[in-house]
Amino acid sequence: MKDYYSILGVNPDDGFNVLKKAYYRRALECHPDRFGGSPSKAENFKSLVEAFNVLSDPPRRARYDVSRGLQESAGRETLFECDDIDGEDPVLDTLADDILEEMIVGNTIPRDTTLQTLLMDLERTERFCMFREGKNLFYSGRVKQAGSVFSAYIEHSPGNILAHYFLGQCFVRQRRHRQAASEYLEAIRIGAGRHPPLRVPRIRNELGRLMREKVGLIARLRALCAGTGELEPLSPEEEARRQVNRAIRNILKEERRLRRSLYP
């Protein structure tokens, strides 16, 4: 098994900011563009990207540490009670969709890119790192700070479904259920507009659970959805698109204003 901590030059108890600085430092040492496309440097850079990709993602890092027999460090403050800490259940339709969403949406790069080519561009790396920073804050329990990061990310990449989902998760943990529902609805709307459409069943299920458990929210959304029924997975996709659009039309403006006031 590769020692990702050694490749990145960090310690097992180092947090995200240390990882990020180490990645940039090491990238300058082995970025292929700085060495005339050297094959050996390209391999080193590929290993570096692989290490950073795993260690900067809390669920993947947790699984990696378990496989290495490492004890969790108090310095990382990982909260394993987070629902999806195992990272096996995709947020979108498949794990491949999750990976593409995180890598590509908001970066305007070709679909045939790889993580390695993405991280060769420092500007795109900053966007990628911004998302990973939000995830690290979220999984460490600092949901208000995480919400600020995801909200800022959405300002740059409003079409990223994962960002809306994680911001919704931040709102749920702060008991701001209306705002959470707004983010889930926006994620569903974006997914329905993709080609081919994404059904995002996990997000639909979490929205349904939120509606069932919060009586005030149920009443509000039922009034807005007048005659559309509950937001369960629907077919055909065009019908889902129309229903979701009716539900969110009157609340998105208000919730965006609230989001900016909560996360200036």
C-alpha atoms as a PDB file:
ATOM      1  CA  MET A   1       0.000   0.000   0.000  1.00  0.00           C
ATOM      2  CA  LYS A   2       1.256   3.464  -0.884  1.00  0.00           C
ATOM      3  CA  ASP A   3       2.150   5.754   1.986  1.00  0.00           C
ATOM      4  CA  TYR A   4       0.164   8.835   1.008  1.00  0.00           C
ATOM      5  CA  TYR A   5       1.369  10.774   4.043  1.00  0.00           C
ATOM      6  CA  SER A   6       4.986  10.303   2.996  1.00  0.00           C
ATOM      7  CA  ILE A   7       4.224  11.154  -0.640  1.00  0.00           C
ATOM      8  CA  LEU A   8       2.600  14.407   0.433  1.00  0.00           C
ATOM      9  CA  GLY A   9       5.175  15.050   3.173  1.00  0.00           C
ATOM     10  CA  VAL A  10       2.657  15.437   6.014  1.00  0.00           C
ATOM     11  CA  ASN A  11       1.827  13.723   9.305  1.00  0.00           C
ATOM     12  CA  PRO A  12      -1.259  11.547   9.935  1.00  0.00           C
ATOM     13  CA  ASP A  13      -2.674  14.132  12.358  1.00  0.00           C
ATOM     14  CA  ASP A  14      -2.276  17.135  10.024  1.00  0.00           C
ATOM     15  CA  GLY A  15      -5.416  18.986   8.999  1.00  0.00           C
ATOM     16  CA  PHE A  16      -6.613  20.172   5.603  1.00  0.00           C
ATOM     17  CA  ASN A  17      -4.726  23.477   5.523  1.00  0.00           C
ATOM     18  CA  VAL A  18      -1.440  21.643   6.070  1.00  0.00           C
ATOM     19  CA  LEU A  19      -2.327  19.176   3.318  1.00  0.00           C
ATOM     20  CA  LYS A  20      -3.147  21.967   0.906  1.00  0.00           C
ATOM     21  CA  LYS A  21       0.115  23.830   1.537  1.00  0.00           C
ATOM     22  CA  ALA A  22       2.077  20.601   1.216  1.00  0.00           C
ATOM     23  CA  TYR A  23       0.371  19.802  -2.077  1.00  0.00           C
ATOM     24  CA  TYR A  24       1.261  23.162  -3.609  1.00  0.00           C
ATOM     25  CA  ARG A  25       4.826  22.902  -2.352  1.00  0.00           C
ATOM     26  CA  ARG A  26       5.333  19.399  -3.708  1.00  0.00           C
ATOM     27  CA  ALA A  27       3.537  20.236  -6.978  1.00  0.00           C
ATOM     28  CA  LEU A  28       6.192  22.840  -7.725  1.00  0.00           C
ATOM     29  CA  GLU A  29       8.824  20.153  -7.259  1.00  0.00           C
ATOM     30  CA  CYS A  30       7.363  17.664  -9.720  1.00  0.00           C
ATOM     31  CA  HIS A  31       4.882  19.464 -11.993  1.00  0.00           C
ATOM     32  CA  PRO A  32       5.613  18.029 -15.482  1.00  0.00           C
ATOM     33  CA  ASP A  33       5.240  21.426 -17.169  1.00  0.00           C
ATOM     34  CA  ARG A  34       8.226  22.729 -15.205  1.00  0.00           C
ATOM     35  CA  PHE A  35      10.447  19.869 -16.376  1.00  0.00           C
ATOM     36  CA  GLY A  36       9.748  19.663 -20.098  1.00  0.00           C
ATOM     37  CA  GLY A  37       7.117  16.961 -19.715  1.00  0.00           C
ATOM     38  CA  SER A  38       9.527  14.573 -17.988  1.00  0.00           C
ATOM     39  CA  PRO A  39       7.886  11.107 -17.737  1.00  0.00           C
ATOM     40  CA  SER A  40       9.409  10.506 -14.292  1.00  0.00           C
ATOM     41  CA  LYS A  41       8.103  13.853 -13.014  1.00  0.00           C
ATOM     42  CA  ALA A  42       4.699  13.068 -14.518  1.00  0.00           C
ATOM     43  CA  GLU A  43       4.593   9.826 -12.539  1.00  0.00           C
ATOM     44  CA  ASN A  44       5.614  11.645  -9.369  1.00  0.00           C
ATOM     45  CA  PHE A  45       2.914  14.237  -9.960  1.00  0.00           C
ATOM     46  CA  LYS A  46       0.324  11.517 -10.570  1.00  0.00           C
ATOM     47  CA  SER A  47       1.206   9.927  -7.212  1.00  0.00           C
ATOM     48  CA  LEU A  48       1.038  13.326  -5.534  1.00  0.00           C
ATOM     49  CA  VAL A  49      -2.439  14.006  -6.935  1.00  0.00           C
ATOM     50  CA  GLU A  50      -3.588  10.552  -5.860  1.00  0.00           C
ATOM     51  CA  ALA A  51      -2.322  11.140  -2.327  1.00  0.00           C
ATOM     52  CA  PHE A  52      -3.914  14.581  -2.058  1.00  0.00           C
ATOM     53  CA  ASN A  53      -7.202  13.333  -3.486  1.00  0.00           C
ATOM     54  CA  VAL A  54      -7.484  10.651  -0.801  1.00  0.00           C
ATOM     55  CA  LEU A  55      -6.169  12.579   2.198  1.00  0.00           C
ATOM     56  CA  SER A  56      -8.149  15.762   1.495  1.00  0.00           C
ATOM     57  CA  ASP A  57     -11.454  13.860   1.392  1.00  0.00           C
ATOM     58  CA  PRO A  58     -12.572  12.960   4.958  1.00  0.00           C
ATOM     59  CA  PRO A  59     -14.444   9.688   4.217  1.00  0.00           C
ATOM     60  CA  ARG A  60     -11.700   8.395   1.919  1.00  0.00           C
ATOM     61  CA  ARG A  61      -9.033   9.397   4.414  1.00  0.00           C
ATOM     62  CA  ALA A  62     -10.903   7.607   7.207  1.00  0.00           C
ATOM     63  CA  ARG A  63     -11.088   4.402   5.157  1.00  0.00           C
ATOM     64  CA  TYR A  64      -7.419   4.740   4.184  1.00  0.00           C
ATOM     65  CA  ASP A  65      -6.408   5.160   7.830  1.00  0.00           C
ATOM     66  CA  VAL A  66      -8.421   2.116   8.834  1.00  0.00           C
ATOM     67  CA  SER A  67      -6.770   0.055   6.121  1.00  0.00           C
ATOM     68  CA  ARG A  68      -3.371   1.154   7.420  1.00  0.00           C
ATOM     69  CA  GLY A  69      -4.318   0.466  11.011  1.00  0.00           C
ATOM     70  CA  LEU A  70      -3.885   4.089  11.990  1.00  0.00           C
ATOM     71  CA  GLN A  71      -5.688   5.480  14.999  1.00  0.00           C
ATOM     72  CA  GLU A  72      -7.762   8.586  14.443  1.00  0.00           C
ATOM     73  CA  SER A  73      -6.002  11.706  15.654  1.00  0.00           C
ATOM     74  CA  ALA A  74      -7.811  14.117  17.960  1.00  0.00           C
ATOM     75  CA  GLY A  75      -6.144  16.890  15.997  1.00  0.00           C
ATOM     76  CA  ARG A  76      -8.301  16.101  12.963  1.00  0.00           C
ATOM     77  CA  GLU A  77     -11.524  16.189  14.984  1.00  0.00           C
ATOM     78  CA  THR A  78     -13.261  13.800  12.596  1.00  0.00           C
ATOM     79  CA  LEU A  79     -16.878  13.239  13.635  1.00  0.00           C
ATOM     80  CA  PHE A  80     -17.855   9.738  12.583  1.00  0.00           C
ATOM     81  CA  GLU A  81     -21.514  10.302  13.427  1.00  0.00           C
ATOM     82  CA  CYS A  82     -21.888  12.107  10.093  1.00  0.00           C
ATOM     83  CA  ASP A  83     -24.386  10.047   8.102  1.00  0.00           C
ATOM     84  CA  ASP A  84     -22.215   9.405   5.062  1.00  0.00           C
ATOM     85  CA  ILE A  85     -18.775   9.134   6.621  1.00  0.00           C
ATOM     86  CA  ASP A  86     -18.289   5.775   4.919  1.00  0.00           C
ATOM     87  CA  GLY A  87     -18.584   7.535   1.578  1.00  0.00           C
ATOM     88  CA  GLU A  88     -20.029   4.446  -0.142  1.00  0.00           C
ATOM     89  CA  ASP A  89     -23.527   5.807  -0.761  1.00  0.00           C
ATOM     90  CA  PRO A  90     -23.380   8.270  -3.671  1.00  0.00           C
ATOM     91  CA  VAL A  91     -25.042  11.657  -3.346  1.00  0.00           C
ATOM     92  CA  LEU A  92     -25.897  11.695  -7.047  1.00  0.00           C
ATOM     93  CA  ASP A  93     -26.967   8.664  -9.082  1.00  0.00           C
ATOM     94  CA  THR A  94     -23.602   6.882  -9.004  1.00  0.00           C
ATOM     95  CA  LEU A  95     -20.180   7.329  -7.417  1.00  0.00           C
ATOM     96  CA  ALA A  96     -18.866   8.192 -10.889  1.00  0.00           C
ATOM     97  CA  ASP A  97     -21.391  11.050 -11.052  1.00  0.00           C
ATOM     98  CA  ASP A  98     -20.144  12.315  -7.679  1.00  0.00           C
ATOM     99  CA  ILE A  99     -16.539  12.300  -8.881  1.00  0.00           C
ATOM    100  CA  LEU A 100     -17.362  14.113 -12.125  1.00  0.00           C
ATOM    101  CA  GLU A 101     -19.475  16.689 -10.291  1.00  0.00           C
ATOM    102  CA  GLU A 102     -16.688  17.545  -7.894  1.00  0.00           C
ATOM    103  CA  MET A 103     -14.034  17.640 -10.580  1.00  0.00           C
ATOM    104  CA  ILE A 104     -15.780  19.309 -13.487  1.00  0.00           C
ATOM    105  CA  VAL A 105     -18.923  21.287 -12.647  1.00  0.00           C
ATOM    106  CA  GLY A 106     -17.935  24.921 -12.270  1.00  0.00           C
ATOM    107  CA  ASN A 107     -14.533  24.364 -13.840  1.00  0.00           C
ATOM    108  CA  THR A 108     -15.658  24.441 -17.496  1.00  0.00           C
ATOM    109  CA  ILE A 109     -13.206  21.769 -18.611  1.00  0.00           C
ATOM    110  CA  PRO A 110     -13.664  18.861 -21.058  1.00  0.00           C
ATOM    111  CA  ARG A 111     -15.501  15.755 -19.915  1.00  0.00           C
ATOM    112  CA  ASP A 112     -12.550  13.535 -20.788  1.00  0.00           C
ATOM    113  CA  THR A 113     -10.316  15.220 -18.235  1.00  0.00           C
ATOM    114  CA  THR A 114      -8.702  13.435 -15.310  1.00  0.00           C
ATOM    115  CA  LEU A 115      -8.018  14.554 -11.772  1.00  0.00           C
ATOM    116  CA  GLN A 116      -4.368  14.877 -12.712  1.00  0.00           C
ATOM    117  CA  THR A 117      -5.020  17.242 -15.611  1.00  0.00           C
ATOM    118  CA  LEU A 118      -7.497  19.183 -13.486  1.00  0.00           C
ATOM    119  CA  LEU A 119      -4.958  19.805 -10.731  1.00  0.00           C
ATOM    120  CA  MET A 120      -2.287  20.874 -13.197  1.00  0.00           C
ATOM    121  CA  ASP A 121      -4.193  24.153 -13.524  1.00  0.00           C
ATOM    122  CA  LEU A 122      -3.688  26.133 -10.325  1.00  0.00           C
ATOM    123  CA  GLU A 123      -6.864  28.184 -10.776  1.00  0.00           C
ATOM    124  CA  ARG A 124      -8.944  25.049 -11.110  1.00  0.00           C
ATOM    125  CA  THR A 125      -7.036  23.523  -8.224  1.00  0.00           C
ATOM    126  CA  GLU A 126      -8.162  26.427  -6.042  1.00  0.00           C
ATOM    127  CA  ARG A 127     -11.797  25.669  -6.900  1.00  0.00           C
ATOM    128  CA  PHE A 128     -11.263  21.983  -6.173  1.00  0.00           C
ATOM    129  CA  CYS A 129      -9.527  22.821  -2.885  1.00  0.00           C
ATOM    130  CA  MET A 130     -12.339  25.187  -1.920  1.00  0.00           C
ATOM    131  CA  PHE A 131     -14.830  22.352  -2.181  1.00  0.00           C
ATOM    132  CA  ARG A 132     -12.580  20.008  -0.216  1.00  0.00           C
ATOM    133  CA  GLU A 133     -12.120  22.664   2.467  1.00  0.00           C
ATOM    134  CA  GLY A 134     -15.891  22.790   2.874  1.00  0.00           C
ATOM    135  CA  LYS A 135     -16.073  19.012   3.198  1.00  0.00           C
ATOM    136  CA  ASN A 136     -13.338  18.950   5.824  1.00  0.00           C
ATOM    137  CA  LEU A 137     -15.083  21.634   7.862  1.00  0.00           C
ATOM    138  CA  PHE A 138     -18.391  19.799   7.525  1.00  0.00           C
ATOM    139  CA  TYR A 139     -17.045  16.433   8.639  1.00  0.00           C
ATOM    140  CA  SER A 140     -15.212  18.018  11.574  1.00  0.00           C
ATOM    141  CA  GLY A 141     -18.511  19.434  12.822  1.00  0.00           C
ATOM    142  CA  ARG A 142     -17.820  23.090  11.982  1.00  0.00           C
ATOM    143  CA  VAL A 143     -20.988  23.350   9.947  1.00  0.00           C
ATOM    144  CA  LYS A 144     -21.390  27.122  10.058  1.00  0.00           C
ATOM    145  CA  GLN A 145     -17.899  27.611   8.636  1.00  0.00           C
ATOM    146  CA  ALA A 146     -18.539  24.851   6.122  1.00  0.00           C
ATOM    147  CA  GLY A 147     -21.749  26.584   5.085  1.00  0.00           C
ATOM    148  CA  SER A 148     -19.835  29.778   4.447  1.00  0.00           C
ATOM    149  CA  VAL A 149     -17.413  27.921   2.160  1.00  0.00           C
ATOM    150  CA  PHE A 150     -20.136  26.094   0.231  1.00  0.00           C
ATOM    151  CA  SER A 151     -22.154  29.294  -0.108  1.00  0.00           C
ATOM    152  CA  ALA A 152     -19.103  31.070  -1.553  1.00  0.00           C
ATOM    153  CA  TYR A 153     -18.467  28.115  -3.853  1.00  0.00           C
ATOM    154  CA  ILE A 154     -22.041  28.293  -5.147  1.00  0.00           C
ATOM    155  CA  GLU A 155     -21.529  31.961  -6.008  1.00  0.00           C
ATOM    156  CA  HIS A 156     -18.816  30.802  -8.452  1.00  0.00           C
ATOM    157  CA  SER A 157     -20.450  27.510  -9.500  1.00  0.00           C
ATOM    158  CA  PRO A 158     -24.235  27.736  -8.976  1.00  0.00           C
ATOM    159  CA  GLY A 159     -24.829  24.593 -11.023  1.00  0.00           C
ATOM    160  CA  ASN A 160     -22.874  22.242  -8.762  1.00  0.00           C
ATOM    161  CA  ILE A 161     -25.336  19.783  -7.239  1.00  0.00           C
ATOM    162  CA  LEU A 162     -22.949  18.545  -4.554  1.00  0.00           C
ATOM    163  CA  ALA A 163     -22.373  22.073  -3.262  1.00  0.00           C
ATOM    164  CA  HIS A 164     -26.128  22.641  -2.877  1.00  0.00           C
ATOM    165  CA  TYR A 165     -26.458  19.263  -1.173  1.00  0.00           C
ATOM    166  CA  PHE A 166     -23.705  19.905   1.360  1.00  0.00           C
ATOM    167  CA  LEU A 167     -24.982  23.421   2.040  1.00  0.00           C
ATOM    168  CA  GLY A 168     -28.382  21.840   2.678  1.00  0.00           C
ATOM    169  CA  GLN A 169     -26.726  19.416   5.080  1.00  0.00           C
ATOM    170  CA  CYS A 170     -25.160  22.351   6.918  1.00  0.00           C
ATOM    171  CA  PHE A 171     -28.577  23.976   7.251  1.00  0.00           C
ATOM    172  CA  VAL A 172     -30.096  20.734   8.567  1.00  0.00           C
ATOM    173  CA  ARG A 173     -27.487  20.514  11.305  1.00  0.00           C
ATOM    174  CA  GLN A 174     -28.253  24.112  12.257  1.00  0.00           C
ATOM    175  CA  ARG A 175     -31.993  23.317  12.313  1.00  0.00           C
ATOM    176  CA  ARG A 176     -32.617  25.748   9.472  1.00  0.00           C
ATOM    177  CA  HIS A 177     -34.973  23.398   7.738  1.00  0.00           C
ATOM    178  CA  ARG A 178     -36.537  25.779   5.229  1.00  0.00           C
ATOM    179  CA  GLN A 179     -33.132  26.764   3.927  1.00  0.00           C
ATOM    180  CA  ALA A 180     -32.114  23.094   3.764  1.00  0.00           C
ATOM    181  CA  ALA A 181     -35.239  22.248   1.755  1.00  0.00           C
ATOM    182  CA  SER A 182     -34.470  25.099  -0.631  1.00  0.00           C
ATOM    183  CA  GLU A 183     -30.971  23.743  -1.319  1.00  0.00           C
ATOM    184  CA  TYR A 184     -32.264  20.185  -1.807  1.00  0.00           C
ATOM    185  CA  LEU A 185     -34.937  21.447  -4.198  1.00  0.00           C
ATOM    186  CA  GLU A 186     -32.375  23.421  -6.167  1.00  0.00           C
ATOM    187  CA  ALA A 187     -30.140  20.329  -6.384  1.00  0.00           C
ATOM    188  CA  ILE A 188     -33.081  18.279  -7.701  1.00  0.00           C
ATOM    189  CA  ARG A 189     -33.965  20.996 -10.214  1.00  0.00           C
ATOM    190  CA  ILE A 190     -30.404  21.125 -11.541  1.00  0.00           C
ATOM    191  CA  GLY A 191     -30.253  17.341 -11.796  1.00  0.00           C
ATOM    192  CA  ALA A 192     -33.531  17.203 -13.728  1.00  0.00           C
ATOM    193  CA  GLY A 193     -32.120  19.688 -16.236  1.00  0.00           C
ATOM    194  CA  ARG A 194     -28.979  17.668 -16.990  1.00  0.00           C
ATOM    195  CA  HIS A 195     -28.592  15.661 -20.201  1.00  0.00           C
ATOM    196  CA  PRO A 196     -29.229  12.883 -19.439  1.00  0.00           C
ATOM    197  CA  PRO A 197     -31.210  13.893 -16.330  1.00  0.00           C
ATOM    198  CA  LEU A 198     -29.967  12.892 -12.881  1.00  0.00           C
ATOM    199  CA  ARG A 199     -32.625  11.489 -10.554  1.00  0.00           C
ATOM    200  CA  VAL A 200     -30.566  12.082  -7.349  1.00  0.00           C
ATOM    201  CA  PRO A 201     -32.659   9.635  -5.249  1.00  0.00           C
ATOM    202  CA  ARG A 202     -30.623  10.230  -2.105  1.00  0.00           C
ATOM    203  CA  ILE A 203     -31.345  13.957  -2.161  1.00  0.00           C
ATOM    204  CA  ARG A 204     -35.032  13.295  -2.895  1.00  0.00           C
ATOM    205  CA  ASN A 205     -35.202  10.861   0.016  1.00  0.00           C
ATOM    206  CA  GLU A 206     -33.560  13.312   2.398  1.00  0.00           C
ATOM    207  CA  LEU A 207     -35.948  16.036   1.293  1.00  0.00           C
ATOM    208  CA  GLY A 208     -38.879  13.680   1.814  1.00  0.00           C
ATOM    209  CA  ARG A 209     -37.656  12.791   5.294  1.00  0.00           C
ATOM    210  CA  LEU A 210     -37.232  16.458   6.128  1.00  0.00           C
ATOM    211  CA  MET A 211     -40.780  17.155   4.963  1.00  0.00           C
ATOM    212  CA  ARG A 212     -42.221  14.291   6.996  1.00  0.00           C
ATOM    213  CA  GLU A 213     -40.406  15.203  10.206  1.00  0.00           C
ATOM    214  CA  LYS A 214     -40.949  18.978  10.143  1.00  0.00           C
ATOM    215  CA  VAL A 215     -44.651  19.729  10.214  1.00  0.00           C
ATOM    216  CA  GLY A 216     -44.315  23.445   9.488  1.00  0.00           C
ATOM    217  CA  LEU A 217     -42.137  22.731   6.471  1.00  0.00           C
ATOM    218  CA  ILE A 218     -44.586  20.150   5.166  1.00  0.00           C
ATOM    219  CA  ALA A 219     -47.441  22.626   5.268  1.00  0.00           C
ATOM    220  CA  ARG A 220     -45.387  25.299   3.508  1.00  0.00           C
ATOM    221  CA  LEU A 221     -44.144  23.024   0.736  1.00  0.00           C
ATOM    222  CA  ARG A 222     -47.556  21.435   0.212  1.00  0.00           C
ATOM    223  CA  ALA A 223     -49.044  24.876  -0.272  1.00  0.00           C
ATOM    224  CA  LEU A 224     -46.339  25.739  -2.783  1.00  0.00           C
ATOM    225  CA  CYS A 225     -46.674  22.415  -4.583  1.00  0.00           C
ATOM    226  CA  ALA A 226     -50.513  22.646  -4.705  1.00  0.00           C
ATOM    227  CA  GLY A 227     -51.572  19.528  -6.507  1.00  0.00           C
ATOM    228  CA  THR A 228     -48.084  18.239  -7.342  1.00  0.00           C
ATOM    229  CA  GLY A 229     -47.861  15.526  -4.687  1.00  0.00           C
ATOM    230  CA  GLU A 230     -44.819  14.625  -2.590  1.00  0.00           C
ATOM    231  CA  LEU A 231     -41.379  14.983  -4.082  1.00  0.00           C
ATOM    232  CA  GLU A 232     -40.510  11.320  -4.447  1.00  0.00           C
ATOM    233  CA  PRO A 233     -38.554   9.948  -7.425  1.00  0.00           C
ATOM    234  CA  LEU A 234     -40.763  10.641 -10.445  1.00  0.00           C
ATOM    235  CA  SER A 235     -40.986   9.590 -14.048  1.00  0.00           C
ATOM    236  CA  PRO A 236     -40.824  10.863 -16.676  1.00  0.00           C
ATOM    237  CA  GLU A 237     -38.110  13.388 -15.916  1.00  0.00           C
ATOM    238  CA  GLU A 238     -39.947  16.217 -17.611  1.00  0.00           C
ATOM    239  CA  GLU A 239     -42.822  15.868 -15.163  1.00  0.00           C
ATOM    240  CA  ALA A 240     -40.355  16.012 -12.278  1.00  0.00           C
ATOM    241  CA  ARG A 241     -38.855  19.145 -13.751  1.00  0.00           C
ATOM    242  CA  ARG A 242     -42.214  20.884 -13.871  1.00  0.00           C
ATOM    243  CA  GLN A 243     -43.177  19.882 -10.347  1.00  0.00           C
ATOM    244  CA  VAL A 244     -39.888  20.959  -8.808  1.00  0.00           C
ATOM    245  CA  ASN A 245     -39.921  24.263 -10.647  1.00  0.00           C
ATOM    246  CA  ARG A 246     -43.381  25.054  -9.294  1.00  0.00           C
ATOM    247  CA  ALA A 247     -42.263  24.194  -5.773  1.00  0.00           C
ATOM    248  CA  ILE A 248     -39.164  26.363  -5.743  1.00  0.00           C
ATOM    249  CA  ARG A 249     -40.297  29.371  -7.764  1.00  0.00           C
ATOM    250  CA  ASN A 250     -41.571  31.356  -4.795  1.00  0.00           C
ATOM    251  CA  ILE A 251     -38.974  30.403  -2.203  1.00  0.00           C
ATOM    252  CA  LEU A 252     -35.586  30.568  -3.959  1.00  0.00           C
ATOM    253  CA  LYS A 253     -35.369  34.361  -3.908  1.00  0.00           C
ATOM    254  CA  GLU A 254     -36.152  34.488  -0.214  1.00  0.00           C
ATOM    255  CA  GLU A 255     -33.783  31.675   0.687  1.00  0.00           C
ATOM    256  CA  ARG A 256     -30.897  33.129  -1.299  1.00  0.00           C
ATOM    257  CA  ARG A 257     -31.352  36.386   0.550  1.00  0.00           C
ATOM    258  CA  LEU A 258     -31.364  34.512   3.851  1.00  0.00           C
ATOM    259  CA  ARG A 259     -28.265  32.565   2.845  1.00  0.00           C
ATOM    260  CA  ARG A 260     -26.326  35.731   2.106  1.00  0.00           C
ATOM    261  CA  SER A 261     -27.326  37.198   5.447  1.00  0.00           C
ATOM    262  CA  LEU A 262     -26.327  34.022   7.275  1.00  0.00           C
ATOM    263  CA  TYR A 263     -23.050  33.554   5.390  1.00  0.00           C
ATOM    264  CA  PRO A 264     -21.841  37.019   4.331  1.00  0.00           C
END
